[in-house]
mmCIF file of all heavy atoms, coordinates in Angstrom:
data_MODEL
# 
_entry.id   MODEL 
# 
loop_
_atom_site.group_PDB 
_atom_site.id 
_atom_site.type_symbol 
_atom_site.label_atom_id 
_atom_site.label_alt_id 
_atom_site.label_comp_id 
_atom_site.label_asym_id 
_atom_site.label_entity_id 
_atom_site.label_seq_id 
_atom_site.pdbx_PDB_ins_code 
_atom_site.Cartn_x 
_atom_site.Cartn_y 
_atom_site.Cartn_z 
_atom_site.occupancy 
_atom_site.B_iso_or_equiv 
_atom_site.pdbx_formal_charge 
_atom_site.auth_seq_id 
_atom_site.auth_comp_id 
_atom_site.auth_asym_id 
_atom_site.auth_atom_id 
_atom_site.pdbx_PDB_model_num 
ATOM 1   N N   . PHE A 1 1  ? 0.816   -1.208  0.000   1.00 0.00 ? 1  PHE A N   1 
ATOM 2   C CA  . PHE A 1 1  ? 0.000   0.000   0.000   1.00 0.00 ? 1  PHE A CA  1 
ATOM 3   C C   . PHE A 1 1  ? 0.857   1.268   0.000   1.00 0.00 ? 1  PHE A C   1 
ATOM 4   O O   . PHE A 1 1  ? 0.481   2.271   -0.606  1.00 0.00 ? 1  PHE A O   1 
ATOM 5   C CB  . PHE A 1 1  ? -0.990  -0.021  1.162   1.00 0.00 ? 1  PHE A CB  1 
ATOM 6   C CG  . PHE A 1 1  ? -2.098  -1.008  0.953   1.00 0.00 ? 1  PHE A CG  1 
ATOM 7   C CD1 . PHE A 1 1  ? -2.066  -2.256  1.548   1.00 0.00 ? 1  PHE A CD1 1 
ATOM 8   C CD2 . PHE A 1 1  ? -3.163  -0.701  0.115   1.00 0.00 ? 1  PHE A CD2 1 
ATOM 9   C CE1 . PHE A 1 1  ? -3.071  -3.178  1.335   1.00 0.00 ? 1  PHE A CE1 1 
ATOM 10  C CE2 . PHE A 1 1  ? -4.180  -1.624  -0.112  1.00 0.00 ? 1  PHE A CE2 1 
ATOM 11  C CZ  . PHE A 1 1  ? -4.137  -2.863  0.501   1.00 0.00 ? 1  PHE A CZ  1 
ATOM 12  N N   . ASP A 1 2  ? 2.019   1.225   0.627   1.00 0.00 ? 2  ASP A N   1 
ATOM 13  C CA  . ASP A 1 2  ? 2.919   2.381   0.611   1.00 0.00 ? 2  ASP A CA  1 
ATOM 14  C C   . ASP A 1 2  ? 3.460   2.652   -0.781  1.00 0.00 ? 2  ASP A C   1 
ATOM 15  O O   . ASP A 1 2  ? 3.563   3.804   -1.208  1.00 0.00 ? 2  ASP A O   1 
ATOM 16  C CB  . ASP A 1 2  ? 4.095   2.177   1.573   1.00 0.00 ? 2  ASP A CB  1 
ATOM 17  C CG  . ASP A 1 2  ? 3.691   2.234   3.035   1.00 0.00 ? 2  ASP A CG  1 
ATOM 18  O OD1 . ASP A 1 2  ? 2.599   2.766   3.337   1.00 0.00 ? 2  ASP A OD1 1 
ATOM 19  O OD2 . ASP A 1 2  ? 4.463   1.728   3.873   1.00 0.00 ? 2  ASP A OD2 1 
ATOM 20  N N   . GLU A 1 3  ? 3.805   1.589   -1.506  1.00 0.00 ? 3  GLU A N   1 
ATOM 21  C CA  . GLU A 1 3  ? 4.420   1.731   -2.832  1.00 0.00 ? 3  GLU A CA  1 
ATOM 22  C C   . GLU A 1 3  ? 3.407   1.727   -3.974  1.00 0.00 ? 3  GLU A C   1 
ATOM 23  O O   . GLU A 1 3  ? 3.725   2.119   -5.092  1.00 0.00 ? 3  GLU A O   1 
ATOM 24  C CB  . GLU A 1 3  ? 5.454   0.631   -3.048  1.00 0.00 ? 3  GLU A CB  1 
ATOM 25  C CG  . GLU A 1 3  ? 6.628   0.723   -2.094  1.00 0.00 ? 3  GLU A CG  1 
ATOM 26  C CD  . GLU A 1 3  ? 7.645   -0.386  -2.281  1.00 0.00 ? 3  GLU A CD  1 
ATOM 27  O OE1 . GLU A 1 3  ? 7.460   -1.248  -3.179  1.00 0.00 ? 3  GLU A OE1 1 
ATOM 28  O OE2 . GLU A 1 3  ? 8.632   -0.392  -1.526  1.00 0.00 ? 3  GLU A OE2 1 
ATOM 29  N N   . GLY A 1 4  ? 2.202   1.223   -3.711  1.00 0.00 ? 4  GLY A N   1 
ATOM 30  C CA  . GLY A 1 4  ? 1.170   1.202   -4.737  1.00 0.00 ? 4  GLY A CA  1 
ATOM 31  C C   . GLY A 1 4  ? 1.384   0.179   -5.827  1.00 0.00 ? 4  GLY A C   1 
ATOM 32  O O   . GLY A 1 4  ? 0.926   0.354   -6.954  1.00 0.00 ? 4  GLY A O   1 
ATOM 33  N N   . ARG A 1 5  ? 2.065   -0.924  -5.484  1.00 0.00 ? 5  ARG A N   1 
ATOM 34  C CA  . ARG A 1 5  ? 2.285   -1.973  -6.491  1.00 0.00 ? 5  ARG A CA  1 
ATOM 35  C C   . ARG A 1 5  ? 2.462   -3.326  -5.812  1.00 0.00 ? 5  ARG A C   1 
ATOM 36  O O   . ARG A 1 5  ? 2.883   -3.400  -4.654  1.00 0.00 ? 5  ARG A O   1 
ATOM 37  C CB  . ARG A 1 5  ? 3.476   -1.660  -7.369  1.00 0.00 ? 5  ARG A CB  1 
ATOM 38  C CG  . ARG A 1 5  ? 4.767   -1.511  -6.631  1.00 0.00 ? 5  ARG A CG  1 
ATOM 39  C CD  . ARG A 1 5  ? 5.865   -0.983  -7.571  1.00 0.00 ? 5  ARG A CD  1 
ATOM 40  N NE  . ARG A 1 5  ? 7.058   -0.671  -6.815  1.00 0.00 ? 5  ARG A NE  1 
ATOM 41  C CZ  . ARG A 1 5  ? 8.065   -1.500  -6.622  1.00 0.00 ? 5  ARG A CZ  1 
ATOM 42  N NH1 . ARG A 1 5  ? 8.034   -2.702  -7.138  1.00 0.00 ? 5  ARG A NH1 1 
ATOM 43  N NH2 . ARG A 1 5  ? 9.109   -1.128  -5.928  1.00 0.00 ? 5  ARG A NH2 1 
ATOM 44  N N   . CYS A 1 6  ? 2.126   -4.375  -6.572  1.00 0.00 ? 6  CYS A N   1 
ATOM 45  C CA  . CYS A 1 6  ? 2.294   -5.747  -6.089  1.00 0.00 ? 6  CYS A CA  1 
ATOM 46  C C   . CYS A 1 6  ? 2.087   -6.689  -7.269  1.00 0.00 ? 6  CYS A C   1 
ATOM 47  O O   . CYS A 1 6  ? 1.696   -6.266  -8.353  1.00 0.00 ? 6  CYS A O   1 
ATOM 48  C CB  . CYS A 1 6  ? 1.309   -6.060  -4.962  1.00 0.00 ? 6  CYS A CB  1 
ATOM 49  S SG  . CYS A 1 6  ? -0.432  -6.016  -5.431  1.00 0.00 ? 6  CYS A SG  1 
ATOM 50  N N   . ASN A 1 7  ? 2.326   -7.978  -7.035  1.00 0.00 ? 7  ASN A N   1 
ATOM 51  C CA  . ASN A 1 7  ? 2.072   -8.941  -8.105  1.00 0.00 ? 7  ASN A CA  1 
ATOM 52  C C   . ASN A 1 7  ? 0.581   -9.296  -8.140  1.00 0.00 ? 7  ASN A C   1 
ATOM 53  O O   . ASN A 1 7  ? -0.182  -8.947  -7.237  1.00 0.00 ? 7  ASN A O   1 
ATOM 54  C CB  . ASN A 1 7  ? 2.971   -10.181 -7.963  1.00 0.00 ? 7  ASN A CB  1 
ATOM 55  C CG  . ASN A 1 7  ? 2.668   -10.995 -6.731  1.00 0.00 ? 7  ASN A CG  1 
ATOM 56  O OD1 . ASN A 1 7  ? 1.521   -11.138 -6.319  1.00 0.00 ? 7  ASN A OD1 1 
ATOM 57  N ND2 . ASN A 1 7  ? 3.698   -11.566 -6.134  1.00 0.00 ? 7  ASN A ND2 1 
ATOM 58  N N   . SER A 1 8  ? 0.185   -9.963  -9.188  1.00 0.00 ? 8  SER A N   1 
ATOM 59  C CA  . SER A 1 8  ? -1.242  -10.261 -9.369  1.00 0.00 ? 8  SER A CA  1 
ATOM 60  C C   . SER A 1 8  ? -1.798  -11.168 -8.279  1.00 0.00 ? 8  SER A C   1 
ATOM 61  O O   . SER A 1 8  ? -2.923  -10.966 -7.815  1.00 0.00 ? 8  SER A O   1 
ATOM 62  C CB  . SER A 1 8  ? -1.494  -10.854 -10.750 1.00 0.00 ? 8  SER A CB  1 
ATOM 63  O OG  . SER A 1 8  ? -0.753  -12.034 -10.930 1.00 0.00 ? 8  SER A OG  1 
ATOM 64  N N   . GLU A 1 9  ? -1.034  -12.152 -7.848  1.00 0.00 ? 9  GLU A N   1 
ATOM 65  C CA  . GLU A 1 9  ? -1.530  -13.053 -6.807  1.00 0.00 ? 9  GLU A CA  1 
ATOM 66  C C   . GLU A 1 9  ? -1.832  -12.287 -5.522  1.00 0.00 ? 9  GLU A C   1 
ATOM 67  O O   . GLU A 1 9  ? -2.872  -12.486 -4.889  1.00 0.00 ? 9  GLU A O   1 
ATOM 68  C CB  . GLU A 1 9  ? -0.514  -14.165 -6.536  1.00 0.00 ? 9  GLU A CB  1 
ATOM 69  C CG  . GLU A 1 9  ? -1.014  -15.173 -5.517  1.00 0.00 ? 9  GLU A CG  1 
ATOM 70  C CD  . GLU A 1 9  ? -0.038  -16.316 -5.309  1.00 0.00 ? 9  GLU A CD  1 
ATOM 71  O OE1 . GLU A 1 9  ? 0.954   -16.427 -6.043  1.00 0.00 ? 9  GLU A OE1 1 
ATOM 72  O OE2 . GLU A 1 9  ? -0.287  -17.112 -4.388  1.00 0.00 ? 9  GLU A OE2 1 
ATOM 73  N N   . THR A 1 10 ? -0.940  -11.402 -5.142  1.00 0.00 ? 10 THR A N   1 
ATOM 74  C CA  . THR A 1 10 ? -1.161  -10.581 -3.946  1.00 0.00 ? 10 THR A CA  1 
ATOM 75  C C   . THR A 1 10 ? -2.391  -9.703  -4.134  1.00 0.00 ? 10 THR A C   1 
ATOM 76  O O   . THR A 1 10 ? -3.229  -9.581  -3.226  1.00 0.00 ? 10 THR A O   1 
ATOM 77  C CB  . THR A 1 10 ? 0.084   -9.728  -3.646  1.00 0.00 ? 10 THR A CB  1 
ATOM 78  O OG1 . THR A 1 10 ? 1.186   -10.600 -3.390  1.00 0.00 ? 10 THR A OG1 1 
ATOM 79  C CG2 . THR A 1 10 ? -0.132  -8.819  -2.448  1.00 0.00 ? 10 THR A CG2 1 
ATOM 80  N N   . LEU A 1 11 ? -2.531  -9.098  -5.311  1.00 0.00 ? 11 LEU A N   1 
ATOM 81  C CA  . LEU A 1 11 ? -3.683  -8.241  -5.584  1.00 0.00 ? 11 LEU A CA  1 
ATOM 82  C C   . LEU A 1 11 ? -4.990  -9.021  -5.477  1.00 0.00 ? 11 LEU A C   1 
ATOM 83  O O   . LEU A 1 11 ? -5.963  -8.538  -4.882  1.00 0.00 ? 11 LEU A O   1 
ATOM 84  C CB  . LEU A 1 11 ? -3.545  -7.605  -6.964  1.00 0.00 ? 11 LEU A CB  1 
ATOM 85  C CG  . LEU A 1 11 ? -4.577  -6.550  -7.331  1.00 0.00 ? 11 LEU A CG  1 
ATOM 86  C CD1 . LEU A 1 11 ? -4.501  -5.350  -6.393  1.00 0.00 ? 11 LEU A CD1 1 
ATOM 87  C CD2 . LEU A 1 11 ? -4.389  -6.116  -8.773  1.00 0.00 ? 11 LEU A CD2 1 
ATOM 88  N N   . PHE A 1 12 ? -5.018  -10.238 -6.016  1.00 0.00 ? 12 PHE A N   1 
ATOM 89  C CA  . PHE A 1 12 ? -6.232  -11.052 -5.959  1.00 0.00 ? 12 PHE A CA  1 
ATOM 90  C C   . PHE A 1 12 ? -6.594  -11.408 -4.522  1.00 0.00 ? 12 PHE A C   1 
ATOM 91  O O   . PHE A 1 12 ? -7.771  -11.372 -4.139  1.00 0.00 ? 12 PHE A O   1 
ATOM 92  C CB  . PHE A 1 12 ? -6.083  -12.325 -6.793  1.00 0.00 ? 12 PHE A CB  1 
ATOM 93  C CG  . PHE A 1 12 ? -5.917  -12.085 -8.273  1.00 0.00 ? 12 PHE A CG  1 
ATOM 94  C CD1 . PHE A 1 12 ? -5.316  -13.044 -9.060  1.00 0.00 ? 12 PHE A CD1 1 
ATOM 95  C CD2 . PHE A 1 12 ? -6.342  -10.916 -8.887  1.00 0.00 ? 12 PHE A CD2 1 
ATOM 96  C CE1 . PHE A 1 12 ? -5.156  -12.849 -10.428 1.00 0.00 ? 12 PHE A CE1 1 
ATOM 97  C CE2 . PHE A 1 12 ? -6.184  -10.706 -10.249 1.00 0.00 ? 12 PHE A CE2 1 
ATOM 98  C CZ  . PHE A 1 12 ? -5.592  -11.680 -11.030 1.00 0.00 ? 12 PHE A CZ  1 
ATOM 99  N N   . ILE A 1 13 ? -5.599  -11.751 -3.725  1.00 0.00 ? 13 ILE A N   1 
ATOM 100 C CA  . ILE A 1 13 ? -5.868  -12.096 -2.325  1.00 0.00 ? 13 ILE A CA  1 
ATOM 101 C C   . ILE A 1 13 ? -6.323  -10.866 -1.555  1.00 0.00 ? 13 ILE A C   1 
ATOM 102 O O   . ILE A 1 13 ? -7.264  -10.937 -0.748  1.00 0.00 ? 13 ILE A O   1 
ATOM 103 C CB  . ILE A 1 13 ? -4.649  -12.768 -1.671  1.00 0.00 ? 13 ILE A CB  1 
ATOM 104 C CG1 . ILE A 1 13 ? -4.375  -14.127 -2.322  1.00 0.00 ? 13 ILE A CG1 1 
ATOM 105 C CG2 . ILE A 1 13 ? -4.867  -12.943 -0.162  1.00 0.00 ? 13 ILE A CG2 1 
ATOM 106 C CD1 . ILE A 1 13 ? -3.093  -14.805 -1.858  1.00 0.00 ? 13 ILE A CD1 1 
ATOM 107 N N   . LEU A 1 14 ? -5.697  -9.725  -1.778  1.00 0.00 ? 14 LEU A N   1 
ATOM 108 C CA  . LEU A 1 14 ? -6.123  -8.491  -1.110  1.00 0.00 ? 14 LEU A CA  1 
ATOM 109 C C   . LEU A 1 14 ? -7.559  -8.137  -1.465  1.00 0.00 ? 14 LEU A C   1 
ATOM 110 O O   . LEU A 1 14 ? -8.336  -7.713  -0.602  1.00 0.00 ? 14 LEU A O   1 
ATOM 111 C CB  . LEU A 1 14 ? -5.181  -7.337  -1.454  1.00 0.00 ? 14 LEU A CB  1 
ATOM 112 C CG  . LEU A 1 14 ? -3.817  -7.393  -0.782  1.00 0.00 ? 14 LEU A CG  1 
ATOM 113 C CD1 . LEU A 1 14 ? -2.889  -6.344  -1.389  1.00 0.00 ? 14 LEU A CD1 1 
ATOM 114 C CD2 . LEU A 1 14 ? -3.935  -7.196  0.733   1.00 0.00 ? 14 LEU A CD2 1 
ATOM 115 N N   . ALA A 1 15 ? -7.929  -8.317  -2.721  1.00 0.00 ? 15 ALA A N   1 
ATOM 116 C CA  . ALA A 1 15 ? -9.318  -8.065  -3.116  1.00 0.00 ? 15 ALA A CA  1 
ATOM 117 C C   . ALA A 1 15 ? -10.265 -8.986  -2.357  1.00 0.00 ? 15 ALA A C   1 
ATOM 118 O O   . ALA A 1 15 ? -11.319 -8.556  -1.863  1.00 0.00 ? 15 ALA A O   1 
ATOM 119 C CB  . ALA A 1 15 ? -9.477  -8.245  -4.624  1.00 0.00 ? 15 ALA A CB  1 
ATOM 120 N N   . ALA A 1 16 ? -9.893  -10.256 -2.229  1.00 0.00 ? 16 ALA A N   1 
ATOM 121 C CA  . ALA A 1 16 ? -10.730 -11.207 -1.499  1.00 0.00 ? 16 ALA A CA  1 
ATOM 122 C C   . ALA A 1 16 ? -10.858 -10.822 -0.029  1.00 0.00 ? 16 ALA A C   1 
ATOM 123 O O   . ALA A 1 16 ? -11.888 -11.088 0.600   1.00 0.00 ? 16 ALA A O   1 
ATOM 124 C CB  . ALA A 1 16 ? -10.161 -12.612 -1.637  1.00 0.00 ? 16 ALA A CB  1 
ATOM 125 N N   . CYS A 1 17 ? -9.843  -10.175 0.520   1.00 0.00 ? 17 CYS A N   1 
ATOM 126 C CA  . CYS A 1 17 ? -9.890  -9.734  1.927   1.00 0.00 ? 17 CYS A CA  1 
ATOM 127 C C   . CYS A 1 17 ? -11.046 -8.781  2.187   1.00 0.00 ? 17 CYS A C   1 
ATOM 128 O O   . CYS A 1 17 ? -11.558 -8.716  3.303   1.00 0.00 ? 17 CYS A O   1 
ATOM 129 C CB  . CYS A 1 17 ? -8.591  -9.040  2.318   1.00 0.00 ? 17 CYS A CB  1 
ATOM 130 S SG  . CYS A 1 17 ? -7.164  -10.117 2.458   1.00 0.00 ? 17 CYS A SG  1 
ATOM 131 N N   . VAL A 1 18 ? -11.445 -8.034  1.167   1.00 0.00 ? 18 VAL A N   1 
ATOM 132 C CA  . VAL A 1 18 ? -12.531 -7.064  1.326   1.00 0.00 ? 18 VAL A CA  1 
ATOM 133 C C   . VAL A 1 18 ? -13.757 -7.480  0.512   1.00 0.00 ? 18 VAL A C   1 
ATOM 134 O O   . VAL A 1 18 ? -14.558 -6.649  0.082   1.00 0.00 ? 18 VAL A O   1 
ATOM 135 C CB  . VAL A 1 18 ? -12.077 -5.628  0.968   1.00 0.00 ? 18 VAL A CB  1 
ATOM 136 C CG1 . VAL A 1 18 ? -11.069 -5.118  1.980   1.00 0.00 ? 18 VAL A CG1 1 
ATOM 137 C CG2 . VAL A 1 18 ? -11.522 -5.541  -0.443  1.00 0.00 ? 18 VAL A CG2 1 
ATOM 138 N N   . GLU A 1 19 ? -13.883 -8.809  0.306   1.00 0.00 ? 19 GLU A N   1 
ATOM 139 C CA  . GLU A 1 19 ? -15.059 -9.387  -0.340  1.00 0.00 ? 19 GLU A CA  1 
ATOM 140 C C   . GLU A 1 19 ? -15.214 -8.958  -1.800  1.00 0.00 ? 19 GLU A C   1 
ATOM 141 O O   . GLU A 1 19 ? -16.327 -8.722  -2.271  1.00 0.00 ? 19 GLU A O   1 
ATOM 142 C CB  . GLU A 1 19 ? -16.332 -9.059  0.445   1.00 0.00 ? 19 GLU A CB  1 
ATOM 143 C CG  . GLU A 1 19 ? -16.310 -9.522  1.892   1.00 0.00 ? 19 GLU A CG  1 
ATOM 144 C CD  . GLU A 1 19 ? -16.346 -11.044 2.019   1.00 0.00 ? 19 GLU A CD  1 
ATOM 145 O OE1 . GLU A 1 19 ? -17.061 -11.698 1.235   1.00 0.00 ? 19 GLU A OE1 1 
ATOM 146 O OE2 . GLU A 1 19 ? -15.662 -11.574 2.909   1.00 0.00 ? 19 GLU A OE2 1 
ATOM 147 N N   . CYS A 1 20 ? -14.092 -8.836  -2.513  1.00 0.00 ? 20 CYS A N   1 
ATOM 148 C CA  . CYS A 1 20 ? -14.116 -8.505  -3.941  1.00 0.00 ? 20 CYS A CA  1 
ATOM 149 C C   . CYS A 1 20 ? -13.394 -9.595  -4.722  1.00 0.00 ? 20 CYS A C   1 
ATOM 150 O O   . CYS A 1 20 ? -12.625 -10.364 -4.157  1.00 0.00 ? 20 CYS A O   1 
ATOM 151 C CB  . CYS A 1 20 ? -13.412 -7.165  -4.208  1.00 0.00 ? 20 CYS A CB  1 
ATOM 152 S SG  . CYS A 1 20 ? -14.261 -5.753  -3.505  1.00 0.00 ? 20 CYS A SG  1 
ATOM 153 N N   . GLU A 1 21 ? -13.638 -9.641  -6.011  1.00 0.00 ? 21 GLU A N   1 
ATOM 154 C CA  . GLU A 1 21 ? -12.907 -10.542 -6.892  1.00 0.00 ? 21 GLU A CA  1 
ATOM 155 C C   . GLU A 1 21 ? -12.803 -9.890  -8.256  1.00 0.00 ? 21 GLU A C   1 
ATOM 156 O O   . GLU A 1 21 ? -13.545 -8.966  -8.589  1.00 0.00 ? 21 GLU A O   1 
ATOM 157 C CB  . GLU A 1 21 ? -13.577 -11.910 -6.995  1.00 0.00 ? 21 GLU A CB  1 
ATOM 158 C CG  . GLU A 1 21 ? -14.942 -11.889 -7.611  1.00 0.00 ? 21 GLU A CG  1 
ATOM 159 C CD  . GLU A 1 21 ? -15.597 -13.257 -7.652  1.00 0.00 ? 21 GLU A CD  1 
ATOM 160 O OE1 . GLU A 1 21 ? -15.311 -14.099 -6.800  1.00 0.00 ? 21 GLU A OE1 1 
ATOM 161 O OE2 . GLU A 1 21 ? -16.401 -13.466 -8.568  1.00 0.00 ? 21 GLU A OE2 1 
ATOM 162 N N   . PHE A 1 22 ? -11.882 -10.361 -9.056  1.00 0.00 ? 22 PHE A N   1 
ATOM 163 C CA  . PHE A 1 22 ? -11.667 -9.816  -10.386 1.00 0.00 ? 22 PHE A CA  1 
ATOM 164 C C   . PHE A 1 22 ? -12.392 -10.658 -11.417 1.00 0.00 ? 22 PHE A C   1 
ATOM 165 O O   . PHE A 1 22 ? -12.501 -11.868 -11.281 1.00 0.00 ? 22 PHE A O   1 
ATOM 166 C CB  . PHE A 1 22 ? -10.166 -9.787  -10.714 1.00 0.00 ? 22 PHE A CB  1 
ATOM 167 C CG  . PHE A 1 22 ? -9.436  -8.731  -9.950  1.00 0.00 ? 22 PHE A CG  1 
ATOM 168 C CD1 . PHE A 1 22 ? -8.900  -9.001  -8.708  1.00 0.00 ? 22 PHE A CD1 1 
ATOM 169 C CD2 . PHE A 1 22 ? -9.311  -7.455  -10.469 1.00 0.00 ? 22 PHE A CD2 1 
ATOM 170 C CE1 . PHE A 1 22 ? -8.234  -8.025  -7.997  1.00 0.00 ? 22 PHE A CE1 1 
ATOM 171 C CE2 . PHE A 1 22 ? -8.645  -6.468  -9.768  1.00 0.00 ? 22 PHE A CE2 1 
ATOM 172 C CZ  . PHE A 1 22 ? -8.112  -6.758  -8.521  1.00 0.00 ? 22 PHE A CZ  1 
ATOM 173 N N   . GLN A 1 23 ? -12.873 -9.994  -12.454 1.00 0.00 ? 23 GLN A N   1 
ATOM 174 C CA  . GLN A 1 23 ? -13.475 -10.666 -13.598 1.00 0.00 ? 23 GLN A CA  1 
ATOM 175 C C   . GLN A 1 23 ? -12.819 -10.119 -14.849 1.00 0.00 ? 23 GLN A C   1 
ATOM 176 O O   . GLN A 1 23 ? -12.483 -8.942  -14.921 1.00 0.00 ? 23 GLN A O   1 
ATOM 177 C CB  . GLN A 1 23 ? -14.969 -10.398 -13.661 1.00 0.00 ? 23 GLN A CB  1 
ATOM 178 C CG  . GLN A 1 23 ? -15.733 -10.969 -12.498 1.00 0.00 ? 23 GLN A CG  1 
ATOM 179 C CD  . GLN A 1 23 ? -17.226 -10.675 -12.617 1.00 0.00 ? 23 GLN A CD  1 
ATOM 180 O OE1 . GLN A 1 23 ? -17.662 -9.990  -13.532 1.00 0.00 ? 23 GLN A OE1 1 
ATOM 181 N NE2 . GLN A 1 23 ? -17.987 -11.207 -11.698 1.00 0.00 ? 23 GLN A NE2 1 
ATOM 182 N N   . MET A 1 24 ? -12.655 -10.982 -15.830 1.00 0.00 ? 24 MET A N   1 
ATOM 183 C CA  . MET A 1 24 ? -12.057 -10.562 -17.087 1.00 0.00 ? 24 MET A CA  1 
ATOM 184 C C   . MET A 1 24 ? -13.151 -10.528 -18.143 1.00 0.00 ? 24 MET A C   1 
ATOM 185 O O   . MET A 1 24 ? -13.881 -11.497 -18.330 1.00 0.00 ? 24 MET A O   1 
ATOM 186 C CB  . MET A 1 24 ? -10.956 -11.542 -17.500 1.00 0.00 ? 24 MET A CB  1 
ATOM 187 C CG  . MET A 1 24 ? -10.154 -11.052 -18.661 1.00 0.00 ? 24 MET A CG  1 
ATOM 188 S SD  . MET A 1 24 ? -8.648  -12.038 -18.868 1.00 0.00 ? 24 MET A SD  1 
ATOM 189 C CE  . MET A 1 24 ? -9.209  -13.246 -20.042 1.00 0.00 ? 24 MET A CE  1 
ATOM 190 N N   . ALA A 1 25 ? -13.277 -9.402  -18.820 1.00 0.00 ? 25 ALA A N   1 
ATOM 191 C CA  . ALA A 1 25 ? -14.242 -9.246  -19.895 1.00 0.00 ? 25 ALA A CA  1 
ATOM 192 C C   . ALA A 1 25 ? -13.471 -9.023  -21.187 1.00 0.00 ? 25 ALA A C   1 
ATOM 193 O O   . ALA A 1 25 ? -12.749 -8.040  -21.329 1.00 0.00 ? 25 ALA A O   1 
ATOM 194 C CB  . ALA A 1 25 ? -15.166 -8.065  -19.618 1.00 0.00 ? 25 ALA A CB  1 
# 
């Protein structure tokens, strides 16, 4: 969060932490 970047796996898990998920269209 300080640097504003991470890998995709970390991003997906962080999204799940707040009850979100990614979808690809």
